Amino acid sequence: MTSTQPALRHPSLSPTAEWWKAAVVYQVYPRSFADSNGDGIGDIQGIIDHLDHLEDLGVDVVWLSPVYASPQDDNGYDISDYYAVDPTFGTLEDLDELIAALHARGMKLVMDLVVNHTSDEHKWFTESRSSRQSPKRDWYIWRDPRDGAEPNNWGSFFSGSAWELDETTGQYFLHLFSKKQPDLNWDNPEVRAAVYQMMNWWLDRGIDGFRMDVISFISKHPELPDGAITDGQSWGEGIQFYGSGPKVHEYLQEMHREVFSHRDADLITVGEMVDATPELARLYTDQDRRELDMVFHFEHVGLDHGPGGKFTRKPVDLVAIKHSFARWQNALADVGWNSLYWNNHDQPRVVSRFGNDTTYWHESATALATVLHLMRGTPYIYQGEELGMTNMSFQSIEDFRDLESLNYYNEANQEGDSSRAADLLAGIAVGGRDNARTPVQWDGTPNAGFTTGTPWIPVNPNHEWLNAAAQRTDPGSIFAWYRTLVRLRHEEPVIVDGRFELLHAKDPQIFAYTRTNDTTALLVVANCSSEPFTFSSSIGTKWADAEVLLRNQPDGSLAQELRPWEVVVLKKRLA
């Protein structure tokens, strides 16, 4: 089945190879979006039921986290059949209906592509592990023991070793994530051909592109050397040997030839890259190299990680965050393209993380949204972000569902120390992925309108007042603010193509920059703190004749003071 390509919903989104520069993407994590059948788990029909919400918001692309067949060890990122929809989420016919419904509204659908690894229940792996002589043995990364133990010292992202011994064949297989997620061997051309065949099958079915999970990990150093061990860690850091490995560019260029080059459709590709630097991103996203349209990097979302990683936090340093964004803006100014995000299914909620989710909830949510969306790049909105959803108030380890968090807690607290457990719980509560995975808050009824059953993970108690029903018709709501930001990207070319210049680079309280092209200049100024900000320069007077395009607090004078979490956007015509 091939779905008709959508007629683009906004005049500025002309059908060119780079239409995605003026687009806004909305991520749906289906398990937590909307449940249509009362089993407590979100599903595809639940997404279809809420497409009016996305259409009202004005987004152009929906990125759908995995709905493929899966044992759900890592909530669908462990795929057992790339050609099937997991019954948890519905049927292939449901997905066809979703594609058609989005296209009818002028929106596109991007699927998650998870091909660094499969589930250990995928038929490829069951055949691979059946014997050392299996024709698919080399489809995965197998190694003999070294001195009776793991082949190297690499650690898994989900705690413990990155190797698992298969007792039947006496060899270890590599799994950078869960032991139920064995890594594919991309050096085998049969693996690559099978992946490209699958990708073409989905594109022929009507989807509009892929978000590629940890795609920079697909090429490993052939010798798999030991990684350095950081103080206090049990396992080595091997990312230098599998992050952007020796053949990753070759494989992505081959993917482009085999999957994308012969298609006329307006597709979009984005690669998740934990190891990406601006210099690498220029290579990956240079359109002349035929690899990807954009990448997700992790630099800015790692700046509040403490010495023990994401579950140990340090105070937010606004100067470091500004410099990170500016570094990427400048590095990709002439070659390549940025993706812009605060939130996704792996990150805590931004209003709780970098904002103020109590006294200045509305102000900080809108300020943070504004400084992100008006930069150069394609913005991504994660479900509920447009409502200002906050982190969850987790009280005990039993409240968590995320494999990464639970493994970390269990490994770090093997002694069962109650004081240690309290510290670990506090770290997971602010840094864990479950903060992003609580159900979308549709209304103030029990279970937030997410399900008529028992939700798979508890609903945030603040849904009684923080919900879509309360915001959809309120012109002063966070939802309305996001809708305005989406509209501005479609209407103002300077947001797409304007030059970026960071102002007040060393100020720890204010985030300010300009966007400028030949005809228009924008000034974005946000007080990213809970204290008033008084200007010591004439930034306001230089823009005295400018139009106020956006302001999240009424009245006020940019020339003198900004209130806590106040953001102002000014616009001047240059020609």
Protein backbone atom coordinates (compact mmCIF):
# COMPACT_ATOMS: atom_id res chain seq x y z
CA MET A 1 0.00 0.00 0.00
CA THR A 2 1.37 3.42 -0.94
CA SER A 3 -0.20 6.47 0.64
CA THR A 4 -0.62 9.68 -1.33
CA GLN A 5 2.04 12.24 -0.48
CA PRO A 6 0.61 15.13 1.54
CA ALA A 7 0.02 18.55 0.10
CA LEU A 8 2.23 20.70 2.32
CA ARG A 9 0.11 22.67 4.74
CA HIS A 10 2.01 25.97 4.66
CA PRO A 11 2.86 28.13 1.62
CA SER A 12 6.42 28.66 2.88
CA LEU A 13 7.00 24.90 2.80
CA SER A 14 7.61 24.69 -0.91
CA PRO A 15 8.29 21.18 -2.25
CA THR A 16 12.06 21.50 -2.39
CA ALA A 17 14.81 19.22 -1.17
CA GLU A 18 15.14 21.36 1.97
CA TRP A 19 11.49 21.97 2.87
CA TRP A 20 12.23 20.67 6.37
CA LYS A 21 14.14 23.85 7.23
CA ALA A 22 10.84 25.69 7.64
CA ALA A 23 9.06 22.74 9.29
CA VAL A 24 8.30 21.85 12.91
CA VAL A 25 8.34 18.22 14.08
CA TYR A 26 6.19 16.77 16.89
CA GLN A 27 7.31 13.57 18.61
CA VAL A 28 4.71 11.02 19.69
CA TYR A 29 5.72 8.39 22.23
CA PRO A 30 2.76 6.10 21.52
CA ARG A 31 2.74 4.18 24.79
CA SER A 32 1.99 7.42 26.64
CA PHE A 33 0.07 9.51 24.12
CA ALA A 34 -3.54 8.27 24.16
CA ASP A 35 -5.19 4.91 24.84
CA SER A 36 -8.25 4.10 22.71
CA ASN A 37 -9.17 0.67 24.09
CA GLY A 38 -8.84 1.00 27.87
CA ASP A 39 -5.89 -1.34 28.39
CA GLY A 40 -3.82 1.45 29.94
CA ILE A 41 -1.30 1.66 27.09
CA GLY A 42 -1.39 4.26 24.34
CA ASP A 43 -1.98 3.04 20.81
CA ILE A 44 -2.23 4.12 17.17
CA GLN A 45 -5.98 4.68 17.24
CA GLY A 46 -5.42 6.95 20.23
CA ILE A 47 -3.09 9.05 18.09
CA ILE A 48 -5.67 9.22 15.30
CA ASP A 49 -8.28 10.35 17.83
CA HIS A 50 -6.13 13.38 18.74
CA LEU A 51 -4.93 14.56 15.35
CA ASP A 52 -7.04 17.71 15.70
CA HIS A 53 -4.73 18.71 18.55
CA LEU A 54 -1.67 18.42 16.32
CA GLU A 55 -3.39 20.17 13.43
CA ASP A 56 -4.38 23.06 15.72
CA LEU A 57 -0.79 23.30 16.92
CA GLY A 58 0.28 23.66 13.31
CA VAL A 59 3.11 21.11 13.19
CA ASP A 60 4.25 19.70 9.86
CA VAL A 61 5.76 16.32 10.77
CA VAL A 62 4.92 13.66 13.34
CA TRP A 63 7.82 11.52 14.51
CA LEU A 64 6.47 8.23 15.84
CA SER A 65 8.57 6.30 18.35
CA PRO A 66 8.69 2.55 17.64
CA VAL A 67 5.44 0.66 17.16
CA TYR A 68 7.06 -2.41 15.61
CA ALA A 69 6.64 -5.91 17.01
CA SER A 70 8.72 -6.11 20.18
CA PRO A 71 8.98 -7.91 23.53
CA GLN A 72 8.99 -4.35 25.00
CA ASP A 73 12.12 -4.85 27.08
CA ASP A 74 13.08 -1.25 26.23
CA ASN A 75 9.62 0.04 25.33
CA GLY A 76 9.82 -0.90 21.68
CA TYR A 77 13.45 -0.05 20.94
CA ASP A 78 14.05 -3.81 20.94
CA ILE A 79 12.46 -4.86 17.65
CA SER A 80 11.58 -8.48 16.88
CA ASP A 81 9.95 -7.85 13.48
CA TYR A 82 10.57 -4.71 11.43
CA TYR A 83 7.62 -5.49 9.14
CA ALA A 84 4.92 -5.87 11.81
CA VAL A 85 3.10 -3.59 14.25
CA ASP A 86 3.08 -4.74 17.85
CA PRO A 87 -0.44 -5.72 19.00
CA THR A 88 0.14 -3.45 22.00
CA PHE A 89 -0.26 -0.51 19.62
CA GLY A 90 -2.65 -1.91 17.03
CA THR A 91 -2.32 -3.32 13.54
CA LEU A 92 -0.60 -2.52 10.28
CA GLU A 93 -3.99 -1.36 9.02
CA ASP A 94 -4.17 1.11 11.93
CA LEU A 95 -0.80 2.49 10.90
CA ASP A 96 -1.95 2.81 7.28
CA GLU A 97 -4.95 4.75 8.57
CA LEU A 98 -2.68 7.05 10.57
CA ILE A 99 -0.47 7.72 7.53
CA ALA A 100 -3.51 8.56 5.40
CA ALA A 101 -5.07 10.75 8.11
CA LEU A 102 -1.86 12.75 8.56
CA HIS A 103 -1.41 13.17 4.82
CA ALA A 104 -4.99 14.34 4.49
CA ARG A 105 -4.15 17.10 6.97
CA GLY A 106 -0.97 18.06 5.12
CA MET A 107 1.32 16.47 7.71
CA LYS A 108 4.03 13.87 7.29
CA LEU A 109 4.96 10.78 9.29
CA VAL A 110 8.52 9.90 10.31
CA MET A 111 9.18 6.46 11.77
CA ASP A 112 11.89 5.51 14.22
CA LEU A 113 14.60 3.41 12.58
CA VAL A 114 16.34 1.17 15.14
CA VAL A 115 19.05 -0.74 13.29
CA ASN A 116 22.14 -0.59 15.49
CA HIS A 117 20.55 -3.54 17.26
CA THR A 118 17.50 -5.81 17.22
CA SER A 119 15.67 -7.73 19.90
CA ASP A 120 17.22 -11.02 20.90
CA GLU A 121 13.84 -12.47 19.86
CA HIS A 122 14.23 -11.29 16.24
CA LYS A 123 14.47 -14.26 13.86
CA TRP A 124 17.82 -12.98 12.63
CA PHE A 125 19.30 -13.32 16.10
CA THR A 126 17.63 -16.63 16.97
CA GLU A 127 19.20 -18.02 13.80
CA SER A 128 22.53 -16.33 14.54
CA ARG A 129 22.79 -17.83 18.03
CA SER A 130 21.65 -21.31 16.96
CA SER A 131 25.23 -22.39 16.19
CA ARG A 132 28.63 -21.04 15.23
CA GLN A 133 27.99 -22.40 11.73
CA SER A 134 24.70 -20.55 11.25
CA PRO A 135 24.54 -18.59 7.96
CA LYS A 136 23.49 -15.60 10.06
CA ARG A 137 26.20 -16.00 12.70
CA ASP A 138 28.08 -13.02 11.27
CA TRP A 139 24.95 -10.84 11.28
CA TYR A 140 25.78 -9.98 14.90
CA ILE A 141 29.02 -9.30 16.78
CA TRP A 142 30.28 -12.49 18.41
CA ARG A 143 33.64 -12.96 20.12
CA ASP A 144 35.42 -15.66 22.09
CA PRO A 145 36.02 -15.11 25.81
CA ARG A 146 39.23 -13.36 26.81
CA ASP A 147 40.92 -15.08 29.73
CA GLY A 148 37.63 -16.75 30.54
CA ALA A 149 35.67 -13.48 30.67
CA GLU A 150 34.26 -10.72 28.46
CA PRO A 151 36.06 -10.01 25.14
CA ASN A 152 36.74 -6.41 26.22
CA ASN A 153 35.85 -4.05 29.06
CA TRP A 154 33.09 -2.02 27.41
CA GLY A 155 30.17 -1.07 29.59
CA SER A 156 26.54 -1.03 28.54
CA PHE A 157 24.52 2.19 28.51
CA PHE A 158 22.05 0.29 30.68
CA SER A 159 24.62 -0.71 33.35
CA GLY A 160 26.93 -3.70 33.56
CA SER A 161 28.97 -5.23 30.78
CA ALA A 162 28.19 -4.70 27.10
CA TRP A 163 28.76 -8.43 26.55
CA GLU A 164 26.54 -11.43 27.27
CA LEU A 165 27.73 -15.02 27.23
CA ASP A 166 25.71 -17.44 25.13
CA GLU A 167 26.10 -20.75 26.97
CA THR A 168 25.12 -22.87 23.98
CA THR A 169 27.87 -21.70 21.63
CA GLY A 170 30.42 -20.52 24.21
CA GLN A 171 30.81 -17.04 22.71
CA TYR A 172 29.80 -13.57 23.84
CA PHE A 173 27.58 -11.22 21.84
CA LEU A 174 27.83 -7.43 22.01
CA HIS A 175 24.93 -5.34 23.31
CA LEU A 176 25.62 -1.65 23.88
CA PHE A 177 22.21 -1.37 25.54
CA SER A 178 20.07 -4.12 27.12
CA LYS A 179 21.27 -7.71 26.92
CA LYS A 180 18.06 -8.27 24.98
CA GLN A 181 19.31 -5.81 22.32
CA PRO A 182 22.21 -7.49 20.49
CA ASP A 183 24.16 -5.24 18.12
CA LEU A 184 23.99 -5.95 14.40
CA ASN A 185 27.23 -6.38 12.47
CA TRP A 186 27.05 -3.64 9.85
CA ASP A 187 30.32 -4.78 8.31
CA ASN A 188 28.35 -7.68 6.85
CA PRO A 189 26.88 -6.51 3.50
CA GLU A 190 23.93 -8.90 3.91
CA VAL A 191 22.89 -7.02 7.06
CA ARG A 192 23.02 -3.69 5.28
CA ALA A 193 21.04 -5.03 2.32
CA ALA A 194 18.35 -6.39 4.64
CA VAL A 195 18.09 -3.04 6.44
CA TYR A 196 17.80 -1.10 3.17
CA GLN A 197 15.14 -3.50 1.91
CA MET A 198 13.12 -2.91 5.05
CA MET A 199 13.50 0.88 4.81
CA ASN A 200 12.32 0.85 1.20
CA TRP A 201 9.33 -1.26 2.18
CA TRP A 202 8.21 1.37 4.71
CA LEU A 203 8.79 4.27 2.33
CA ASP A 204 6.80 2.44 -0.34
CA ARG A 205 4.02 2.11 2.22
CA GLY A 206 3.82 5.89 2.45
CA ILE A 207 5.92 7.09 5.38
CA ASP A 208 7.99 10.23 4.90
CA GLY A 209 11.35 9.54 6.48
CA PHE A 210 13.22 8.18 9.47
CA ARG A 211 14.61 9.25 12.81
CA MET A 212 17.60 6.93 13.13
CA ASP A 213 18.26 5.65 16.64
CA VAL A 214 21.95 5.78 17.73
CA ILE A 215 22.88 5.58 14.06
CA SER A 216 26.46 6.78 14.65
CA PHE A 217 27.15 3.51 16.52
CA ILE A 218 26.73 1.20 13.53
CA SER A 219 30.44 1.02 12.62
CA LYS A 220 32.67 -0.46 15.33
CA HIS A 221 36.47 -0.48 15.42
CA PRO A 222 37.28 -3.96 14.03
CA GLU A 223 39.64 -4.83 16.90
CA LEU A 224 37.16 -3.76 19.62
CA PRO A 225 39.87 -2.32 21.92
CA ASP A 226 39.40 -1.78 25.63
CA GLY A 227 38.07 1.61 26.71
CA ALA A 228 39.41 3.86 29.43
CA ILE A 229 37.96 3.33 32.90
CA THR A 230 36.86 6.43 34.79
CA ASP A 231 37.43 6.60 38.53
CA GLY A 232 34.63 4.84 40.34
CA GLN A 233 33.42 2.96 37.25
CA SER A 234 33.54 -0.81 36.78
CA TRP A 235 33.50 -0.83 33.00
CA GLY A 236 35.43 0.94 30.25
CA GLU A 237 34.22 3.82 28.09
CA GLY A 238 34.28 2.36 24.60
CA ILE A 239 32.44 5.09 22.71
CA GLN A 240 35.65 6.27 21.02
CA PHE A 241 35.73 2.87 19.30
CA TYR A 242 32.09 2.69 18.19
CA GLY A 243 30.92 6.31 18.05
CA SER A 244 31.22 7.59 14.46
CA GLY A 245 33.36 4.57 13.70
CA PRO A 246 35.63 3.94 10.72
CA LYS A 247 32.96 3.21 8.08
CA VAL A 248 29.91 5.11 9.34
CA HIS A 249 30.03 7.74 6.58
CA GLU A 250 30.52 5.06 3.95
CA TYR A 251 27.48 3.15 5.23
CA LEU A 252 25.24 6.24 5.43
CA GLN A 253 26.20 7.24 1.89
CA GLU A 254 25.42 3.71 0.74
CA MET A 255 22.07 3.95 2.56
CA HIS A 256 21.31 7.17 0.72
CA ARG A 257 22.07 5.55 -2.64
CA GLU A 258 20.06 2.41 -1.95
CA VAL A 259 17.06 3.99 -0.21
CA PHE A 260 16.66 7.71 -0.81
CA SER A 261 18.42 8.79 -4.01
CA HIS A 262 15.85 7.40 -6.45
CA ARG A 263 12.83 8.88 -4.67
CA ASP A 264 11.08 12.09 -5.65
CA ALA A 265 9.17 12.37 -2.37
CA ASP A 266 9.95 15.12 0.13
CA LEU A 267 11.58 12.95 2.79
CA ILE A 268 13.36 13.81 6.02
CA THR A 269 16.19 12.01 7.83
CA VAL A 270 17.63 12.76 11.26
CA GLY A 271 20.28 10.75 13.05
CA GLU A 272 20.59 10.40 16.82
CA MET A 273 24.29 10.76 17.68
CA VAL A 274 25.45 10.66 21.29
CA ASP A 275 29.04 11.32 20.18
CA ALA A 276 28.36 14.11 17.67
CA THR A 277 30.49 17.24 17.63
CA PRO A 278 29.80 20.28 15.42
CA GLU A 279 32.64 19.19 13.17
CA LEU A 280 31.15 15.71 12.73
CA ALA A 281 27.68 17.17 12.24
CA ARG A 282 28.95 19.26 9.32
CA LEU A 283 30.03 16.03 7.63
CA TYR A 284 26.83 14.14 8.39
CA THR A 285 24.51 16.96 7.26
CA ASP A 286 26.40 18.49 4.33
CA GLN A 287 23.85 17.92 1.54
CA ASP A 288 26.60 17.43 -1.01
CA ARG A 289 27.79 14.35 0.91
CA ARG A 290 24.35 12.64 0.68
CA GLU A 291 24.13 11.30 4.23
CA LEU A 292 21.51 12.89 6.54
CA ASP A 293 19.43 16.06 6.74
CA MET A 294 20.22 16.76 10.40
CA VAL A 295 21.43 15.11 13.60
CA PHE A 296 20.44 15.06 17.25
CA HIS A 297 23.43 15.89 19.42
CA PHE A 298 23.56 15.71 23.22
CA GLU A 299 25.92 18.52 24.18
CA HIS A 300 23.40 20.93 25.69
CA VAL A 301 21.42 18.24 27.52
CA GLY A 302 24.57 16.94 29.20
CA LEU A 303 25.59 20.23 30.78
CA ASP A 304 23.71 19.62 34.04
CA HIS A 305 25.10 16.11 34.50
CA GLY A 306 27.22 15.68 37.61
CA PRO A 307 30.41 13.64 38.07
CA GLY A 308 28.40 10.43 38.24
CA GLY A 309 26.49 11.05 35.01
CA LYS A 310 22.85 11.85 34.32
CA PHE A 311 21.61 10.61 37.70
CA THR A 312 23.86 13.02 39.57
CA ARG A 313 22.95 16.63 38.83
CA LYS A 314 24.79 19.91 39.08
CA PRO A 315 23.34 23.44 38.92
CA VAL A 316 22.33 24.69 35.49
CA ASP A 317 24.93 27.02 33.98
CA LEU A 318 23.12 29.30 31.53
CA VAL A 319 26.39 30.62 30.14
CA ALA A 320 27.45 27.08 29.20
CA ILE A 321 24.05 26.38 27.63
CA LYS A 322 24.21 29.60 25.57
CA HIS A 323 27.73 28.87 24.41
CA SER A 324 26.74 25.35 23.40
CA PHE A 325 23.84 26.56 21.27
CA ALA A 326 25.96 29.34 19.76
CA ARG A 327 28.77 26.91 18.95
CA TRP A 328 26.40 24.71 16.98
CA GLN A 329 24.63 27.65 15.35
CA ASN A 330 27.93 29.05 14.11
CA ALA A 331 29.46 25.73 13.09
CA LEU A 332 26.49 24.82 10.89
CA ALA A 333 25.82 28.33 9.60
CA ASP A 334 27.08 27.71 6.06
CA VAL A 335 27.17 23.91 5.80
CA GLY A 336 24.74 21.47 7.34
CA TRP A 337 21.68 21.97 9.52
CA ASN A 338 20.73 21.99 13.20
CA SER A 339 17.97 20.14 14.98
CA LEU A 340 16.57 22.07 17.95
CA TYR A 341 15.15 20.33 20.99
CA TRP A 342 14.76 20.57 24.74
CA ASN A 343 12.72 17.42 25.28
CA ASN A 344 12.27 13.91 23.96
CA HIS A 345 11.40 10.49 25.37
CA ASP A 346 14.88 10.21 26.95
CA GLN A 347 15.07 13.63 28.63
CA PRO A 348 13.44 15.12 31.77
CA ARG A 349 10.85 17.85 31.20
CA VAL A 350 12.52 21.15 30.31
CA VAL A 351 10.31 23.40 32.46
CA SER A 352 11.37 21.37 35.52
CA ARG A 353 14.95 20.91 34.40
CA PHE A 354 16.05 24.32 33.14
CA GLY A 355 13.02 26.43 34.11
CA ASN A 356 10.91 27.09 37.21
CA ASP A 357 7.94 24.71 37.35
CA THR A 358 6.33 26.33 40.38
CA THR A 359 6.28 30.12 40.77
CA TYR A 360 7.14 30.89 37.13
CA TRP A 361 5.80 27.79 35.38
CA HIS A 362 4.06 29.64 32.53
CA GLU A 363 6.76 32.27 32.12
CA SER A 364 9.69 29.85 32.09
CA ALA A 365 7.96 27.37 29.77
CA THR A 366 7.27 30.09 27.20
CA ALA A 367 10.71 31.72 27.57
CA LEU A 368 12.55 28.44 27.05
CA ALA A 369 10.34 27.59 24.08
CA THR A 370 11.04 30.95 22.46
CA VAL A 371 14.84 30.93 22.70
CA LEU A 372 14.84 27.45 21.16
CA HIS A 373 12.32 27.88 18.34
CA LEU A 374 13.69 31.13 16.96
CA MET A 375 17.19 29.79 16.36
CA ARG A 376 18.39 28.36 13.03
CA GLY A 377 17.37 24.73 12.72
CA THR A 378 14.35 22.45 12.71
CA PRO A 379 12.51 22.53 16.07
CA TYR A 380 11.18 19.37 17.71
CA ILE A 381 8.27 19.45 20.17
CA TYR A 382 7.90 16.43 22.44
CA GLN A 383 4.37 15.44 23.39
CA GLY A 384 3.09 17.51 26.32
CA GLU A 385 5.87 20.06 25.97
CA GLU A 386 3.36 22.34 24.24
CA LEU A 387 1.31 22.22 27.46
CA GLY A 388 4.22 22.85 29.82
CA MET A 389 4.09 19.33 31.29
CA THR A 390 6.44 18.93 34.25
CA ASN A 391 8.53 16.19 35.80
CA MET A 392 6.69 13.59 37.85
CA SER A 393 6.78 13.49 41.67
CA PHE A 394 8.21 9.97 41.99
CA GLN A 395 8.15 8.71 45.58
CA SER A 396 9.60 5.19 45.47
CA ILE A 397 11.50 2.88 43.16
CA GLU A 398 8.22 1.03 42.52
CA ASP A 399 6.96 4.11 40.66
CA PHE A 400 9.55 3.69 37.89
CA ARG A 401 9.20 1.65 34.71
CA ASP A 402 12.32 2.57 32.76
CA LEU A 403 14.88 -0.21 32.27
CA GLU A 404 17.83 2.20 32.37
CA SER A 405 16.76 3.71 35.71
CA LEU A 406 15.93 0.38 37.33
CA ASN A 407 19.21 -1.24 36.22
CA TYR A 408 21.18 1.74 37.51
CA TYR A 409 19.41 1.64 40.87
CA ASN A 410 19.83 -2.11 41.31
CA GLU A 411 23.50 -2.13 40.33
CA ALA A 412 24.39 0.90 42.46
CA ASN A 413 22.51 -0.39 45.52
CA GLN A 414 23.51 -4.02 45.62
CA GLU A 415 24.19 -3.74 49.34
CA GLY A 416 20.64 -2.54 50.07
CA ASP A 417 21.87 0.52 52.00
CA SER A 418 18.78 2.62 52.87
CA SER A 419 20.65 5.95 52.91
CA ARG A 420 22.29 5.11 49.61
CA ALA A 421 18.89 4.13 48.21
CA ALA A 422 17.43 7.54 49.10
CA ASP A 423 20.23 9.35 47.25
CA LEU A 424 19.86 7.10 44.22
CA LEU A 425 16.10 7.61 44.16
CA ALA A 426 16.53 11.38 44.30
CA GLY A 427 18.92 11.28 41.35
CA ILE A 428 16.65 9.07 39.25
CA ALA A 429 13.64 11.23 40.11
CA VAL A 430 15.18 14.30 38.45
CA GLY A 431 17.25 12.64 35.73
CA GLY A 432 15.26 9.55 34.74
CA ARG A 433 13.54 8.98 31.42
CA ASP A 434 10.19 8.20 33.04
CA ASN A 435 9.71 11.94 33.60
CA ALA A 436 9.03 12.20 29.86
CA ARG A 437 6.91 9.07 29.72
CA THR A 438 4.02 9.84 32.03
CA PRO A 439 0.76 10.03 30.05
CA VAL A 440 -0.19 13.12 28.08
CA GLN A 441 -2.56 15.21 30.16
CA TRP A 442 -5.63 15.69 27.98
CA ASP A 443 -8.08 16.85 30.65
CA GLY A 444 -8.69 17.06 34.39
CA THR A 445 -10.63 13.81 34.77
CA PRO A 446 -9.17 10.73 36.47
CA ASN A 447 -6.19 9.44 34.45
CA ALA A 448 -6.09 12.76 32.59
CA GLY A 449 -8.28 11.51 29.76
CA PHE A 450 -5.41 9.22 28.70
CA THR A 451 -7.21 5.94 29.40
CA THR A 452 -10.38 4.50 30.90
CA GLY A 453 -8.26 1.72 32.39
CA THR A 454 -5.22 1.64 34.64
CA PRO A 455 -2.33 3.55 33.03
CA TRP A 456 0.89 1.61 32.51
CA ILE A 457 2.73 4.35 34.43
CA PRO A 458 1.09 6.76 36.88
CA VAL A 459 -0.37 10.04 35.64
CA ASN A 460 1.14 13.24 37.02
CA PRO A 461 -1.22 14.53 39.76
CA ASN A 462 -1.03 18.07 38.40
CA HIS A 463 -3.13 17.02 35.41
CA GLU A 464 -6.18 18.36 37.25
CA TRP A 465 -5.15 21.88 36.23
CA LEU A 466 -2.33 21.30 33.73
CA ASN A 467 -4.05 19.76 30.71
CA ALA A 468 -4.92 20.29 27.07
CA ALA A 469 -8.61 20.94 27.63
CA ALA A 470 -7.79 23.89 29.87
CA GLN A 471 -5.37 25.36 27.32
CA ARG A 472 -6.70 24.67 23.83
CA THR A 473 -9.13 27.63 23.81
CA ASP A 474 -7.13 29.93 26.11
CA PRO A 475 -5.28 32.60 24.08
CA GLY A 476 -2.86 33.13 26.96
CA SER A 477 -1.94 29.47 27.39
CA ILE A 478 1.38 27.73 26.79
CA PHE A 479 -0.33 25.81 23.98
CA ALA A 480 -1.28 29.09 22.30
CA TRP A 481 2.31 30.32 22.69
CA TYR A 482 3.70 27.22 20.97
CA ARG A 483 1.13 27.61 18.21
CA THR A 484 2.40 31.16 17.66
CA LEU A 485 6.02 30.00 17.53
CA VAL A 486 5.13 27.37 14.91
CA ARG A 487 3.25 29.95 12.85
CA LEU A 488 6.13 32.42 12.98
CA ARG A 489 8.56 29.84 11.60
CA HIS A 490 6.23 29.37 8.66
CA GLU A 491 5.69 33.10 8.10
CA GLU A 492 9.07 34.72 8.83
CA PRO A 493 11.89 33.70 6.46
CA VAL A 494 14.48 35.26 8.77
CA ILE A 495 13.79 32.51 11.33
CA VAL A 496 14.72 29.93 8.71
CA ASP A 497 17.63 31.58 6.92
CA GLY A 498 18.80 34.46 9.12
CA ARG A 499 22.28 34.80 10.53
CA PHE A 500 22.68 34.13 14.27
CA GLU A 501 24.61 36.31 16.71
CA LEU A 502 24.75 35.67 20.45
CA LEU A 503 24.57 38.76 22.68
CA HIS A 504 25.57 39.12 26.35
CA ALA A 505 27.52 35.87 26.00
CA LYS A 506 28.94 35.90 29.54
CA ASP A 507 25.85 37.05 31.40
CA PRO A 508 24.57 34.27 33.70
CA GLN A 509 20.97 35.50 33.65
CA ILE A 510 20.00 36.57 30.14
CA PHE A 511 19.77 34.63 26.86
CA ALA A 512 19.82 37.12 23.98
CA TYR A 513 20.57 36.83 20.28
CA THR A 514 19.72 38.33 16.90
CA ARG A 515 18.61 36.73 13.65
CA THR A 516 19.26 38.79 10.54
CA ASN A 517 18.84 38.46 6.78
CA ASP A 518 18.84 41.06 4.00
CA THR A 519 15.38 42.41 4.84
CA THR A 520 14.62 41.66 8.48
CA ALA A 521 16.22 41.56 11.91
CA LEU A 522 14.89 39.86 15.03
CA LEU A 523 16.03 40.43 18.59
CA VAL A 524 15.27 37.67 21.09
CA VAL A 525 15.87 38.54 24.76
CA ALA A 526 14.94 36.22 27.63
CA ASN A 527 15.58 36.58 31.34
CA CYS A 528 16.24 32.93 32.16
CA SER A 529 16.12 33.35 35.90
CA SER A 530 13.66 33.87 38.73
CA GLU A 531 15.09 37.30 39.56
CA PRO A 532 14.57 40.62 37.71
CA PHE A 533 17.23 41.59 35.19
CA THR A 534 18.41 45.17 34.78
CA PHE A 535 20.21 46.12 31.58
CA SER A 536 23.62 47.71 31.84
CA SER A 537 23.77 48.41 28.10
CA SER A 538 21.66 50.21 25.52
CA ILE A 539 20.31 47.04 23.89
CA GLY A 540 16.74 48.27 24.26
CA THR A 541 17.29 51.78 22.90
CA LYS A 542 18.88 50.42 19.73
CA TRP A 543 15.59 48.72 18.98
CA ALA A 544 13.31 51.56 20.05
CA ASP A 545 11.56 51.68 16.66
CA ALA A 546 11.08 47.92 16.43
CA GLU A 547 7.79 46.04 16.44
CA VAL A 548 7.08 43.86 19.47
CA LEU A 549 6.52 40.49 17.88
CA LEU A 550 6.15 38.45 21.08
CA ARG A 551 6.11 39.13 24.81
CA ASN A 552 5.13 36.62 27.49
CA GLN A 553 4.33 39.30 30.09
CA PRO A 554 2.24 42.44 29.51
CA ASP A 555 3.69 45.91 29.00
CA GLY A 556 7.18 46.61 30.40
CA SER A 557 10.21 48.33 28.89
CA LEU A 558 13.05 46.39 27.29
CA ALA A 559 15.29 49.42 27.73
CA GLN A 560 15.52 49.00 31.48
CA GLU A 561 14.38 45.77 33.08
CA LEU A 562 13.04 42.30 32.39
CA ARG A 563 10.90 40.55 34.97
CA PRO A 564 11.64 36.95 36.03
CA TRP A 565 11.47 34.63 33.02
CA GLU A 566 10.27 37.42 30.76
CA VAL A 567 10.98 37.02 27.05
CA VAL A 568 10.62 39.69 24.38
CA VAL A 569 10.99 39.32 20.61
CA LEU A 570 11.42 42.46 18.49
CA LYS A 571 11.36 42.78 14.71
CA LYS A 572 12.80 45.45 12.43
CA ARG A 573 12.55 45.78 8.66
CA LEU A 574 15.93 46.51 7.04
CA ALA A 575 14.75 46.95 3.46
